[in-house]
Amino acid sequence: MKKLTIVLGLVIVGLVIFIATMDLNQYKPKIEQAVKDASGYDLKVNGDIAISFSPVGVSVGDVSLSVPGQKAFATFSSFDVALEIMPLLSKEIKVNYVVLSNLNLNIEKMKNGKNNFDVSISKKTTNKGTQTASSEEKKEPAQLPLVNVTEVRLENANIAYLDQTTGTKANIKNINVTINEISLDSTKEKLKSLALQGNANIEKITYGKYNIHKMTMNFDLKDAIANLSSMKYTIFDSEASAKARVDMSGKKPKISIEELIPNLKLAIFGKEVFEKDLLKGTVSAKVNLAFVGDDEISVKKTLKGIVLFDGKDVGVQGYDIDKIVKSYKSLKSGDMKKAGASFLTSALDNASKGKDAFDTFSGGTTAIERLHIKIDISKSLATLSDVAIATANNRVAVKGAINIVDESLKGVEIAILDKKGCASYSQKISGSLSNPKGKSLTSKNEVSVEQVEEVVNMVSSFFGKKKDKKVKKKTDTNCKPFYNGVVKHP
């Protein structure tokens, strides 16, 4: 036993001396060529390849990866691997840690549909002898050494994405990920064989005009199912929490998301979503969604779940809903004096010039005593199940549905309600979200009831869009209630 210990000691000392005297930088050209032969990518090791002894490991600095002839799409400042020496004697690779630092990943989808990381690998011609040898080698799979990794870390990574075909942009800044408890079960296939746990911190995520800050999460992966638990982040300057589950065990990923924002700040929400200083106050927001697939069309077709907003004492800035409703009622009753002909003529003039037709309504603030928006999503439809607001004097409700795939409006109707929930006045809205149909306007000196109906569209008063609609007054005192939800009459 003593002799064996001495022999092992001498082996280790000899190995350390050998490693210390090696200049690994001489192998950089061979490493770069090997990567190109295997993948087609140009790998450039601009820094040094260094040896460390506490623990024993290798560090590679200043590395870039690119498609030949193009700008690098990935760079990182260092790649460090630390190994344990003793397990190598029994053909086992035990990795203490793997650290990738300062990764910058720039992904671009070109106008021709190709990505900036797409590369074609040329197939080398081989003689029959080589082909025979290759086929024989395939019959005997190589015996891979047992690999055990204790920890993997990603430090200060940044990812940028640009889709030139749509103009979509996304950025993820300062990503820090730690993965541990990594195990590999060779009896299971593909992703199911891998199990791990970890945590992540992300400083900022930007997608288009939306921003998420200070995201933290814990996650685990087992049997090709990833669970993201304890997710916390800030969106619209509001604290949020969420859970997510990604099932990758089948042909297409199955994803479910639960999100809760107990105090959504509407001022920030309005500025980011509508790009207007439109709202104030807070509401409770809850989202519970599930879908299958990893492309936009698949997501839209399989999306199902609930979106819910509920709040009290919410303000709509810049518009007075009660004033709009009063003018609308006066107009429909035929009292043009009360409605204010010059007021409406000015609005029509704005619309004819391509401006916001409702700039004339600007000014004032609407105090919404109660707001409730419940949308049920299933079978490509977002159904407006319970959508209504109540001010001090009026209650307005919306019903119908939106086709998620083509964004068309299905039976959407907005109504001013009486105490019974019947529609005193209602407007049917058709067309689509992106391209609603609208009636053409004549000169400002020819104001008709139909033109005024175009101007006083209550939905468009918020967002400046014209809709194709039919307006009718409800006179049946025994009518079927238009709305019977949680928002009560003031």
Protein backbone atom coordinates (compact mmCIF):
# COMPACT_ATOMS: atom_id res chain seq x y z
CA MET A 1 0.00 0.00 0.00
CA LYS A 2 2.85 2.36 0.88
CA LYS A 3 4.56 1.66 -2.48
CA LEU A 4 1.28 2.27 -4.31
CA THR A 5 0.87 5.62 -2.57
CA ILE A 6 4.41 6.61 -3.53
CA VAL A 7 3.80 5.58 -7.15
CA LEU A 8 0.57 7.56 -7.35
CA GLY A 9 2.29 10.55 -5.80
CA LEU A 10 5.08 10.39 -8.37
CA VAL A 11 2.52 10.13 -11.17
CA ILE A 12 0.67 13.19 -9.96
CA VAL A 13 3.89 15.18 -9.48
CA GLY A 14 5.06 14.17 -12.95
CA LEU A 15 1.70 15.14 -14.43
CA VAL A 16 1.79 18.54 -12.76
CA ILE A 17 5.36 19.17 -13.99
CA PHE A 18 4.38 18.09 -17.49
CA ILE A 19 1.36 20.38 -17.57
CA ALA A 20 3.34 23.29 -16.12
CA THR A 21 5.94 23.09 -18.86
CA MET A 22 3.44 22.79 -21.70
CA ASP A 23 2.68 25.75 -23.93
CA LEU A 24 -0.92 25.11 -24.95
CA ASN A 25 -0.98 28.22 -27.15
CA GLN A 26 0.87 26.27 -29.83
CA TYR A 27 -2.27 24.17 -30.25
CA LYS A 28 -4.56 27.15 -31.04
CA PRO A 29 -4.35 26.71 -34.85
CA LYS A 30 -5.17 23.02 -34.52
CA ILE A 31 -8.11 23.75 -32.21
CA GLU A 32 -9.46 26.39 -34.58
CA GLN A 33 -9.12 24.08 -37.57
CA ALA A 34 -10.77 21.20 -35.73
CA VAL A 35 -13.79 23.37 -34.90
CA LYS A 36 -14.08 24.51 -38.51
CA ASP A 37 -13.85 20.96 -39.84
CA ALA A 38 -16.51 19.76 -37.41
CA SER A 39 -18.97 22.66 -37.57
CA GLY A 40 -18.03 24.99 -40.42
CA TYR A 41 -17.62 27.94 -38.04
CA ASP A 42 -14.56 30.15 -37.74
CA LEU A 43 -13.29 29.97 -34.15
CA LYS A 44 -10.68 32.55 -33.18
CA VAL A 45 -8.79 32.26 -29.90
CA ASN A 46 -7.33 35.75 -29.57
CA GLY A 47 -6.24 35.38 -25.94
CA ASP A 48 -4.02 32.90 -24.15
CA ILE A 49 -4.69 29.31 -23.21
CA ALA A 50 -3.47 29.07 -19.63
CA ILE A 51 -3.10 26.35 -17.02
CA SER A 52 -4.28 26.76 -13.42
CA PHE A 53 -3.38 24.54 -10.43
CA SER A 54 -5.78 25.51 -7.69
CA PRO A 55 -7.83 23.74 -8.82
CA VAL A 56 -6.23 22.15 -11.87
CA GLY A 57 -7.83 23.52 -14.98
CA VAL A 58 -7.62 25.29 -18.31
CA SER A 59 -8.59 28.86 -19.16
CA VAL A 60 -9.16 30.11 -22.71
CA GLY A 61 -9.41 33.87 -23.24
CA ASP A 62 -10.93 36.24 -25.80
CA VAL A 63 -12.77 33.87 -28.14
CA SER A 64 -15.02 34.66 -31.09
CA LEU A 65 -17.25 32.51 -33.29
CA SER A 66 -18.47 33.45 -36.75
CA VAL A 67 -19.68 32.22 -40.10
CA PRO A 68 -16.74 32.39 -42.58
CA GLY A 69 -16.52 35.84 -44.13
CA GLN A 70 -18.99 37.41 -41.72
CA LYS A 71 -18.89 39.37 -38.48
CA ALA A 72 -18.70 37.29 -35.29
CA PHE A 73 -22.11 36.48 -33.81
CA ALA A 74 -20.70 35.23 -30.49
CA THR A 75 -17.78 36.40 -28.36
CA PHE A 76 -16.73 35.72 -24.77
CA SER A 77 -13.84 36.93 -22.65
CA SER A 78 -12.98 33.61 -21.00
CA PHE A 79 -13.90 29.95 -20.79
CA ASP A 80 -12.64 28.16 -17.68
CA VAL A 81 -12.74 24.46 -16.86
CA ALA A 82 -11.52 22.98 -13.57
CA LEU A 83 -10.90 19.22 -13.30
CA GLU A 84 -10.08 16.75 -10.54
CA ILE A 85 -6.90 14.75 -11.23
CA MET A 86 -7.48 11.46 -9.39
CA PRO A 87 -10.67 10.41 -11.26
CA LEU A 88 -8.71 10.60 -14.55
CA LEU A 89 -6.77 7.51 -13.50
CA SER A 90 -10.00 5.49 -13.61
CA LYS A 91 -11.10 7.04 -16.93
CA GLU A 92 -13.59 9.32 -15.23
CA ILE A 93 -13.80 13.03 -15.99
CA LYS A 94 -14.92 14.94 -12.94
CA VAL A 95 -15.40 18.65 -13.58
CA ASN A 96 -15.46 20.97 -10.59
CA TYR A 97 -16.87 23.84 -12.60
CA VAL A 98 -17.29 25.30 -16.06
CA VAL A 99 -17.47 29.09 -16.31
CA LEU A 100 -18.31 31.13 -19.41
CA SER A 101 -17.73 34.86 -18.81
CA ASN A 102 -18.89 37.98 -20.68
CA LEU A 103 -20.69 36.20 -23.48
CA ASN A 104 -22.11 38.54 -26.14
CA LEU A 105 -24.50 36.77 -28.48
CA ASN A 106 -25.88 38.72 -31.45
CA ILE A 107 -28.59 36.88 -33.39
CA GLU A 108 -29.95 38.34 -36.61
CA LYS A 109 -32.60 37.10 -39.02
CA MET A 110 -31.84 38.50 -42.46
CA LYS A 111 -34.38 39.76 -45.00
CA ASN A 112 -33.80 36.59 -47.02
CA GLY A 113 -35.00 34.52 -44.06
CA LYS A 114 -31.56 33.17 -43.11
CA ASN A 115 -29.89 33.69 -39.74
CA ASN A 116 -26.45 35.20 -39.25
CA PHE A 117 -25.31 31.93 -37.63
CA ASP A 118 -26.45 29.65 -40.47
CA VAL A 119 -23.51 27.83 -42.03
CA SER A 120 -23.25 25.14 -44.69
CA ILE A 121 -20.78 22.30 -44.11
CA SER A 122 -19.17 20.98 -47.26
CA LYS A 123 -19.22 17.23 -47.53
CA LYS A 124 -15.80 15.75 -48.15
CA THR A 125 -15.45 13.03 -50.73
CA THR A 126 -14.20 9.71 -49.48
CA ASN A 127 -13.01 6.57 -51.27
CA LYS A 128 -14.74 3.24 -50.94
CA GLY A 129 -12.19 1.99 -48.45
CA THR A 130 -12.83 4.92 -46.18
CA GLN A 131 -16.59 4.48 -46.50
CA THR A 132 -16.27 0.80 -45.55
CA ALA A 133 -14.14 1.62 -42.56
CA SER A 134 -16.61 4.29 -41.47
CA SER A 135 -19.54 1.91 -41.70
CA GLU A 136 -17.66 -0.65 -39.63
CA GLU A 137 -16.82 1.94 -37.00
CA LYS A 138 -20.50 2.87 -36.67
CA LYS A 139 -21.30 -0.69 -35.67
CA GLU A 140 -19.15 -0.32 -32.57
CA PRO A 141 -20.16 2.80 -30.63
CA ALA A 142 -17.31 4.51 -28.84
CA GLN A 143 -17.11 4.05 -25.11
CA LEU A 144 -17.40 7.55 -23.71
CA PRO A 145 -15.77 8.30 -20.37
CA LEU A 146 -18.03 8.95 -17.40
CA VAL A 147 -18.45 12.71 -17.08
CA ASN A 148 -19.57 14.36 -13.85
CA VAL A 149 -20.01 18.13 -13.72
CA THR A 150 -20.53 19.78 -10.35
CA GLU A 151 -21.33 23.32 -11.46
CA VAL A 152 -21.80 25.38 -14.62
CA ARG A 153 -21.87 29.18 -14.50
CA LEU A 154 -22.73 31.83 -17.06
CA GLU A 155 -21.47 35.23 -15.95
CA ASN A 156 -22.47 38.63 -17.31
CA ALA A 157 -23.93 37.41 -20.60
CA ASN A 158 -25.78 39.63 -23.07
CA ILE A 159 -28.06 38.56 -25.91
CA ALA A 160 -29.33 40.76 -28.75
CA TYR A 161 -31.88 39.70 -31.39
CA LEU A 162 -32.99 41.48 -34.56
CA ASP A 163 -35.49 40.23 -37.13
CA GLN A 164 -34.95 42.29 -40.28
CA THR A 165 -38.08 40.83 -41.89
CA THR A 166 -40.39 42.28 -39.21
CA GLY A 167 -38.22 44.85 -37.44
CA THR A 168 -38.63 42.99 -34.14
CA LYS A 169 -35.90 43.65 -31.58
CA ALA A 170 -35.11 41.97 -28.29
CA ASN A 171 -32.29 42.38 -25.79
CA ILE A 172 -31.37 40.53 -22.62
CA LYS A 173 -28.74 42.26 -20.50
CA ASN A 174 -26.48 41.02 -17.73
CA ILE A 175 -27.52 37.36 -17.46
CA ASN A 176 -26.03 35.36 -14.59
CA VAL A 177 -26.88 31.68 -14.35
CA THR A 178 -25.67 29.00 -11.94
CA ILE A 179 -26.48 25.34 -12.64
CA ASN A 180 -25.68 22.58 -10.18
CA GLU A 181 -26.72 19.09 -9.12
CA ILE A 182 -26.15 18.00 -12.71
CA SER A 183 -26.64 14.32 -13.48
CA LEU A 184 -26.77 12.25 -16.66
CA ASP A 185 -28.76 9.00 -16.86
CA SER A 186 -27.45 7.02 -19.84
CA THR A 187 -30.48 4.68 -19.70
CA LYS A 188 -32.75 7.52 -20.87
CA GLU A 189 -32.82 9.10 -24.31
CA LYS A 190 -31.89 12.61 -25.37
CA LEU A 191 -33.02 15.43 -23.07
CA LYS A 192 -34.74 13.05 -20.67
CA SER A 193 -31.33 11.78 -19.59
CA LEU A 194 -30.32 15.15 -18.16
CA ALA A 195 -31.32 16.46 -14.73
CA LEU A 196 -30.23 19.68 -13.04
CA GLN A 197 -31.16 22.53 -10.74
CA GLY A 198 -30.19 26.16 -10.89
CA ASN A 199 -30.99 29.82 -10.53
CA ALA A 200 -30.75 32.87 -12.75
CA ASN A 201 -30.62 36.65 -12.45
CA ILE A 202 -31.31 38.97 -15.38
CA GLU A 203 -30.91 42.72 -15.14
CA LYS A 204 -33.16 43.72 -18.05
CA ILE A 205 -35.20 42.18 -20.87
CA THR A 206 -36.44 44.38 -23.71
CA TYR A 207 -38.86 43.15 -26.37
CA GLY A 208 -39.99 45.86 -28.74
CA LYS A 209 -41.32 48.63 -26.50
CA TYR A 210 -41.78 46.41 -23.44
CA ASN A 211 -39.27 46.14 -20.59
CA ILE A 212 -38.77 43.66 -17.75
CA HIS A 213 -36.30 44.50 -14.97
CA LYS A 214 -34.54 42.60 -12.20
CA MET A 215 -35.74 39.10 -12.97
CA THR A 216 -34.79 36.30 -10.58
CA MET A 217 -35.83 32.66 -10.83
CA ASN A 218 -35.17 29.15 -9.62
CA PHE A 219 -35.51 26.28 -12.07
CA ASP A 220 -35.03 22.56 -12.46
CA LEU A 221 -34.99 20.10 -15.33
CA LYS A 222 -35.99 16.45 -15.11
CA ASP A 223 -37.39 14.03 -17.69
CA ALA A 224 -37.30 16.83 -20.30
CA ILE A 225 -39.65 18.99 -18.22
CA ALA A 226 -38.39 22.38 -17.06
CA ASN A 227 -40.08 24.05 -14.10
CA LEU A 228 -39.46 27.72 -13.49
CA SER A 229 -40.52 28.51 -9.95
CA SER A 230 -40.24 31.57 -7.74
CA MET A 231 -39.98 33.93 -10.69
CA LYS A 232 -39.97 37.58 -9.62
CA TYR A 233 -39.45 40.65 -11.77
CA THR A 234 -40.55 44.24 -12.41
CA ILE A 235 -42.73 45.11 -15.40
CA PHE A 236 -44.39 48.48 -16.04
CA ASP A 237 -42.59 49.61 -12.87
CA SER A 238 -44.76 47.09 -10.97
CA GLU A 239 -43.67 44.08 -8.93
CA ALA A 240 -44.73 40.77 -10.51
CA SER A 241 -44.44 37.07 -9.77
CA ALA A 242 -44.88 34.11 -12.09
CA LYS A 243 -44.50 30.39 -12.62
CA ALA A 244 -43.85 28.53 -15.85
CA ARG A 245 -43.61 24.95 -17.02
CA VAL A 246 -42.01 23.83 -20.30
CA ASP A 247 -42.61 20.22 -21.33
CA MET A 248 -40.08 19.20 -24.01
CA SER A 249 -40.70 15.47 -23.85
CA GLY A 250 -42.86 15.43 -27.00
CA LYS A 251 -42.47 16.56 -30.59
CA LYS A 252 -43.54 20.12 -29.76
CA PRO A 253 -42.96 21.99 -26.49
CA LYS A 254 -45.94 22.49 -24.20
CA ILE A 255 -45.74 25.72 -22.23
CA SER A 256 -47.89 27.06 -19.39
CA ILE A 257 -47.51 30.41 -17.64
CA GLU A 258 -49.08 31.92 -14.53
CA GLU A 259 -48.49 35.61 -13.81
CA LEU A 260 -49.74 37.89 -11.06
CA ILE A 261 -49.27 41.67 -10.78
CA PRO A 262 -51.21 42.74 -7.68
CA ASN A 263 -50.63 46.47 -8.21
CA LEU A 264 -50.13 47.22 -11.89
CA LYS A 265 -49.24 50.90 -12.33
CA LEU A 266 -51.46 52.06 -15.17
CA ALA A 267 -49.52 55.25 -15.85
CA ILE A 268 -46.46 53.25 -16.95
CA PHE A 269 -48.62 50.57 -18.59
CA GLY A 270 -50.39 53.18 -20.73
CA LYS A 271 -47.16 54.84 -21.82
CA GLU A 272 -45.53 51.58 -22.91
CA VAL A 273 -48.56 49.87 -24.48
CA PHE A 274 -50.53 52.80 -25.96
CA GLU A 275 -47.63 55.28 -26.06
CA LYS A 276 -49.88 57.86 -24.43
CA ASP A 277 -50.12 59.48 -21.03
CA LEU A 278 -53.61 58.00 -20.81
CA LEU A 279 -54.16 56.15 -17.55
CA LYS A 280 -53.56 56.51 -13.84
CA GLY A 281 -54.20 54.42 -10.76
CA THR A 282 -53.54 50.72 -10.19
CA VAL A 283 -55.32 47.46 -11.01
CA SER A 284 -54.79 43.81 -10.21
CA ALA A 285 -53.66 41.78 -13.22
CA LYS A 286 -53.70 38.00 -13.53
CA VAL A 287 -52.71 35.87 -16.51
CA ASN A 288 -53.01 32.10 -16.84
CA LEU A 289 -52.06 30.85 -20.31
CA ALA A 290 -50.98 27.62 -21.99
CA PHE A 291 -49.96 26.82 -25.56
CA VAL A 292 -48.17 24.24 -27.71
CA GLY A 293 -45.39 24.96 -30.22
CA ASP A 294 -42.42 27.25 -30.67
CA ASP A 295 -43.58 29.48 -33.54
CA GLU A 296 -46.06 32.37 -33.61
CA ILE A 297 -48.78 30.62 -35.61
CA SER A 298 -48.73 27.49 -33.43
CA VAL A 299 -48.89 29.60 -30.29
CA LYS A 300 -51.89 31.60 -31.55
CA LYS A 301 -53.80 28.51 -32.67
CA THR A 302 -53.29 26.57 -29.41
CA LEU A 303 -53.39 29.42 -26.90
CA LYS A 304 -55.91 29.02 -24.08
CA GLY A 305 -56.44 30.49 -20.66
CA ILE A 306 -57.64 33.63 -18.88
CA VAL A 307 -56.56 37.28 -18.77
CA LEU A 308 -58.05 39.35 -15.94
CA PHE A 309 -57.77 43.02 -14.95
CA ASP A 310 -59.73 44.40 -12.02
CA GLY A 311 -59.49 47.76 -10.30
CA LYS A 312 -61.21 50.65 -8.56
CA ASP A 313 -60.67 54.41 -8.71
CA VAL A 314 -58.89 54.30 -12.06
CA GLY A 315 -58.34 57.50 -14.05
CA VAL A 316 -58.43 58.09 -17.81
CA GLN A 317 -56.40 61.22 -18.46
CA GLY A 318 -57.02 63.58 -21.34
CA TYR A 319 -60.58 62.39 -22.06
CA ASP A 320 -63.90 62.85 -20.26
CA ILE A 321 -65.97 59.73 -20.85
CA ASP A 322 -69.07 61.20 -19.19
CA LYS A 323 -68.84 64.22 -21.49
CA ILE A 324 -68.54 61.96 -24.53
CA VAL A 325 -71.54 59.89 -23.44
CA LYS A 326 -73.61 63.01 -22.76
CA SER A 327 -72.85 64.42 -26.22
CA TYR A 328 -73.61 61.04 -27.74
CA LYS A 329 -77.01 60.81 -26.01
CA SER A 330 -77.89 64.39 -26.93
CA LEU A 331 -76.98 63.79 -30.54
CA LYS A 332 -79.03 60.60 -30.78
CA SER A 333 -82.01 62.41 -29.28
CA GLY A 334 -81.71 64.99 -32.10
CA ASP A 335 -80.63 67.90 -29.91
CA MET A 336 -77.73 69.22 -31.99
CA LYS A 337 -77.53 72.34 -29.82
CA LYS A 338 -76.71 70.30 -26.73
CA ALA A 339 -74.30 68.13 -28.68
CA GLY A 340 -72.50 71.20 -29.96
CA ALA A 341 -72.39 71.33 -33.75
CA SER A 342 -69.20 73.37 -33.95
CA PHE A 343 -67.55 71.03 -31.49
CA LEU A 344 -68.36 68.02 -33.66
CA THR A 345 -67.50 69.83 -36.90
CA SER A 346 -64.02 70.48 -35.51
CA ALA A 347 -63.61 66.79 -34.70
CA LEU A 348 -64.67 65.83 -38.21
CA ASP A 349 -62.17 68.26 -39.64
CA ASN A 350 -59.41 66.62 -37.59
CA ALA A 351 -60.37 63.17 -38.86
CA SER A 352 -60.49 64.29 -42.49
CA LYS A 353 -56.90 65.54 -42.16
CA GLY A 354 -55.67 62.22 -40.81
CA LYS A 355 -55.40 63.49 -37.25
CA ASP A 356 -56.92 62.04 -34.11
CA ALA A 357 -60.62 62.73 -34.59
CA PHE A 358 -61.03 62.98 -30.84
CA ASP A 359 -58.47 65.67 -30.13
CA THR A 360 -61.52 67.89 -29.62
CA PHE A 361 -62.48 65.77 -26.62
CA SER A 362 -59.06 66.27 -25.08
CA GLY A 363 -58.96 67.69 -21.61
CA GLY A 364 -60.31 66.61 -18.31
CA THR A 365 -60.08 63.28 -16.57
CA THR A 366 -62.51 60.42 -16.15
CA ALA A 367 -62.74 58.85 -12.74
CA ILE A 368 -63.62 55.17 -13.26
CA GLU A 369 -65.10 53.85 -10.05
CA ARG A 370 -64.85 50.24 -11.19
CA LEU A 371 -63.04 48.50 -14.05
CA HIS A 372 -63.26 44.81 -14.86
CA ILE A 373 -61.81 43.04 -17.90
CA LYS A 374 -62.08 39.26 -18.13
CA ILE A 375 -61.01 37.60 -21.36
CA ASP A 376 -61.31 33.85 -21.92
CA ILE A 377 -59.02 32.45 -24.61
CA SER A 378 -59.69 29.16 -26.39
CA LYS A 379 -59.83 27.76 -29.93
CA SER A 380 -58.16 30.83 -31.49
CA LEU A 381 -60.72 33.19 -29.94
CA ALA A 382 -60.30 35.77 -27.20
CA THR A 383 -63.83 36.12 -25.83
CA LEU A 384 -64.70 39.32 -23.96
CA SER A 385 -66.50 37.48 -21.18
CA ASP A 386 -66.91 40.33 -18.68
CA VAL A 387 -65.66 43.71 -19.86
CA ALA A 388 -67.12 46.88 -18.38
CA ILE A 389 -66.40 50.17 -16.64
CA ALA A 390 -68.49 52.39 -14.37
CA THR A 391 -68.01 56.10 -13.84
CA ALA A 392 -69.94 58.27 -11.40
CA ASN A 393 -72.73 58.68 -14.00
CA ASN A 394 -72.46 55.96 -16.62
CA ARG A 395 -71.77 52.29 -17.17
CA VAL A 396 -70.26 51.04 -20.44
CA ALA A 397 -69.76 47.39 -21.45
CA VAL A 398 -68.23 45.52 -24.37
CA LYS A 399 -68.93 42.00 -25.62
CA GLY A 400 -67.87 39.83 -28.53
CA ALA A 401 -64.61 38.14 -29.44
CA ILE A 402 -61.34 38.62 -31.30
CA ASN A 403 -59.83 36.00 -33.59
CA ILE A 404 -56.25 35.70 -32.35
CA VAL A 405 -54.88 34.27 -35.60
CA ASP A 406 -56.08 36.94 -38.08
CA GLU A 407 -56.97 39.62 -35.46
CA SER A 408 -60.50 39.98 -36.84
CA LEU A 409 -63.37 41.22 -34.67
CA LYS A 410 -66.23 38.77 -34.14
CA GLY A 411 -69.53 40.27 -33.01
CA VAL A 412 -67.86 43.00 -30.98
CA GLU A 413 -70.38 45.48 -29.61
CA ILE A 414 -70.06 48.36 -27.15
CA ALA A 415 -73.05 49.72 -25.25
CA ILE A 416 -74.09 52.45 -22.84
CA LEU A 417 -76.14 50.68 -20.17
CA ASP A 418 -79.18 51.62 -18.17
CA LYS A 419 -79.81 50.54 -14.59
CA LYS A 420 -81.15 47.16 -15.72
CA GLY A 421 -78.06 46.42 -17.76
CA CYS A 422 -79.90 46.91 -21.04
CA ALA A 423 -78.22 48.81 -23.84
CA SER A 424 -79.56 52.36 -24.13
CA TYR A 425 -77.26 52.80 -27.10
CA SER A 426 -74.96 50.28 -28.75
CA GLN A 427 -72.39 50.20 -31.51
CA LYS A 428 -71.33 47.15 -33.52
CA ILE A 429 -67.66 47.18 -34.48
CA SER A 430 -66.33 45.14 -37.39
CA GLY A 431 -63.07 44.77 -39.27
CA SER A 432 -59.76 43.90 -37.62
CA LEU A 433 -57.47 45.28 -34.96
CA SER A 434 -54.76 46.24 -37.44
CA ASN A 435 -57.00 47.45 -40.28
CA PRO A 436 -60.48 48.39 -39.09
CA LYS A 437 -63.04 49.43 -41.69
CA GLY A 438 -64.22 53.04 -41.58
CA LYS A 439 -66.66 55.29 -43.38
CA SER A 440 -65.35 58.08 -45.53
CA LEU A 441 -65.94 61.64 -44.32
CA THR A 442 -67.35 64.53 -46.38
CA SER A 443 -66.51 68.19 -45.95
CA LYS A 444 -66.71 69.72 -42.51
CA ASN A 445 -69.70 71.90 -43.51
CA GLU A 446 -71.84 68.83 -44.17
CA VAL A 447 -72.31 67.35 -40.74
CA SER A 448 -74.77 64.46 -40.63
CA VAL A 449 -75.85 62.10 -37.88
CA GLU A 450 -73.89 59.30 -39.57
CA GLN A 451 -70.73 61.41 -39.56
CA VAL A 452 -71.20 62.32 -35.93
CA GLU A 453 -71.59 58.62 -35.12
CA GLU A 454 -68.19 58.16 -36.78
CA VAL A 455 -66.67 60.82 -34.56
CA VAL A 456 -68.18 59.80 -31.25
CA ASN A 457 -67.10 56.17 -31.44
CA MET A 458 -66.27 55.55 -27.82
CA VAL A 459 -63.68 52.87 -28.44
CA SER A 460 -61.79 55.02 -30.91
CA SER A 461 -61.89 57.96 -28.51
CA PHE A 462 -59.14 56.21 -26.55
CA PHE A 463 -56.95 54.92 -29.36
CA GLY A 464 -57.67 57.15 -32.34
CA LYS A 465 -58.95 54.38 -34.63
CA LYS A 466 -62.03 54.57 -36.87
CA LYS A 467 -64.38 51.59 -36.95
CA ASP A 468 -67.18 50.43 -39.20
CA LYS A 469 -70.20 50.37 -36.96
CA LYS A 470 -73.97 50.46 -36.79
CA VAL A 471 -75.63 52.52 -34.08
CA LYS A 472 -79.10 51.93 -32.75
CA LYS A 473 -81.12 53.06 -29.79
CA LYS A 474 -82.72 50.48 -27.56
CA THR A 475 -86.35 51.31 -26.75
CA ASP A 476 -87.64 47.99 -25.46
CA THR A 477 -88.15 48.37 -21.70
CA ASN A 478 -88.29 44.57 -21.37
CA CYS A 479 -85.08 43.99 -23.32
CA LYS A 480 -82.65 41.23 -22.58
CA PRO A 481 -79.80 42.66 -20.50
CA PHE A 482 -76.72 43.43 -22.58
CA TYR A 483 -74.47 43.02 -19.53
CA ASN A 484 -74.84 41.20 -16.23
CA GLY A 485 -71.30 41.08 -14.87
CA VAL A 486 -69.48 42.24 -11.76
CA VAL A 487 -69.53 45.98 -12.56
CA LYS A 488 -72.69 47.46 -11.08
CA HIS A 489 -74.56 50.60 -12.13
CA PRO A 490 -73.40 53.79 -10.37
